[in-house]
């Protein structure tokens, strides 16, 4: 995986983690949504990495 693509996944995942942390104090459902989006982004990064490795 190129450095720019891995940087994108890292920054996007951290941004979603921050959104999850901030939304915990406001709305639990929104925090759950951001948590699931965070897991999906991290999983997508692993899938892209394995497909590019082949």
C-alpha atoms as a PDB file:
ATOM      1  CA  UNK A   1       0.000   0.000   0.000  1.00  0.00           C
ATOM      2  CA  UNK A   2       1.328   3.426  -0.854  1.00  0.00           C
ATOM      3  CA  UNK A   3       2.194   5.852   1.893  1.00  0.00           C
ATOM      4  CA  UNK A   4      -0.452   8.342   0.845  1.00  0.00           C
ATOM      5  CA  UNK A   5      -3.195   5.705   0.883  1.00  0.00           C
ATOM      6  CA  UNK A   6      -2.163   4.414   4.290  1.00  0.00           C
ATOM      7  CA  UNK A   7      -2.014   8.014   5.566  1.00  0.00           C
ATOM      8  CA  UNK A   8      -5.562   8.560   4.303  1.00  0.00           C
ATOM      9  CA  UNK A   9      -6.881   5.506   6.159  1.00  0.00           C
ATOM     10  CA  UNK A  10      -5.008   6.478   9.332  1.00  0.00           C
ATOM     11  CA  UNK A  11      -6.247  10.076   9.331  1.00  0.00           C
ATOM     12  CA  UNK A  12      -9.822   9.081   8.459  1.00  0.00           C
ATOM     13  CA  UNK A  13      -9.871   6.459  11.216  1.00  0.00           C
ATOM     14  CA  UNK A  14      -8.553   8.900  13.813  1.00  0.00           C
ATOM     15  CA  UNK A  15     -11.084  11.524  12.716  1.00  0.00           C
ATOM     16  CA  UNK A  16     -13.898   9.008  13.119  1.00  0.00           C
ATOM     17  CA  UNK A  17     -12.558   7.992  16.540  1.00  0.00           C
ATOM     18  CA  UNK A  18     -12.553  11.649  17.591  1.00  0.00           C
ATOM     19  CA  UNK A  19     -16.106  12.063  16.303  1.00  0.00           C
ATOM     20  CA  UNK A  20     -17.111   9.015  18.361  1.00  0.00           C
ATOM     21  CA  UNK A  21     -15.516  10.467  21.482  1.00  0.00           C
ATOM     22  CA  UNK A  22     -17.153  13.872  21.050  1.00  0.00           C
ATOM     23  CA  UNK A  23     -20.571  12.427  20.291  1.00  0.00           C
ATOM     24  CA  UNK A  24     -20.543  10.269  23.446  1.00  0.00           C
ATOM     25  CA  UNK A  25     -21.504  13.278  25.532  1.00  0.00           C
ATOM     26  CA  UNK A  26     -24.285  14.371  23.178  1.00  0.00           C
ATOM     27  CA  UNK A  27     -26.020  11.355  21.697  1.00  0.00           C
ATOM     28  CA  UNK A  28     -25.451   7.657  22.317  1.00  0.00           C
ATOM     29  CA  UNK A  29     -26.919   6.566  18.986  1.00  0.00           C
ATOM     30  CA  UNK A  30     -24.670   8.941  17.098  1.00  0.00           C
ATOM     31  CA  UNK A  31     -21.690   7.596  19.019  1.00  0.00           C
ATOM     32  CA  UNK A  32     -22.707   4.069  18.055  1.00  0.00           C
ATOM     33  CA  UNK A  33     -22.964   5.104  14.400  1.00  0.00           C
ATOM     34  CA  UNK A  34     -19.517   6.715  14.454  1.00  0.00           C
ATOM     35  CA  UNK A  35     -18.103   3.649  16.210  1.00  0.00           C
ATOM     36  CA  UNK A  36     -19.426   1.365  13.497  1.00  0.00           C
ATOM     37  CA  UNK A  37     -18.106   3.692  10.805  1.00  0.00           C
ATOM     38  CA  UNK A  38     -14.706   3.630  12.509  1.00  0.00           C
ATOM     39  CA  UNK A  39     -14.636  -0.167  12.490  1.00  0.00           C
ATOM     40  CA  UNK A  40     -15.731  -0.194   8.847  1.00  0.00           C
ATOM     41  CA  UNK A  41     -12.958   2.247   7.874  1.00  0.00           C
ATOM     42  CA  UNK A  42     -10.297   0.206   9.686  1.00  0.00           C
ATOM     43  CA  UNK A  43     -11.605  -3.012   8.113  1.00  0.00           C
ATOM     44  CA  UNK A  44     -11.648  -1.413   4.678  1.00  0.00           C
ATOM     45  CA  UNK A  45      -8.025  -0.403   5.145  1.00  0.00           C
ATOM     46  CA  UNK A  46      -7.060  -4.004   5.888  1.00  0.00           C
ATOM     47  CA  UNK A  47      -9.030  -5.269   2.865  1.00  0.00           C
ATOM     48  CA  UNK A  48      -7.392  -2.739   0.534  1.00  0.00           C
ATOM     49  CA  UNK A  49      -3.969  -3.619   1.905  1.00  0.00           C
ATOM     50  CA  UNK A  50      -4.470  -7.350   1.337  1.00  0.00           C
ATOM     51  CA  UNK A  51      -5.859  -6.858  -2.176  1.00  0.00           C
ATOM     52  CA  UNK A  52      -3.005  -4.590  -3.196  1.00  0.00           C
ATOM     53  CA  UNK A  53      -0.487  -7.070  -1.817  1.00  0.00           C
ATOM     54  CA  UNK A  54      -1.641  -9.825  -4.220  1.00  0.00           C
END
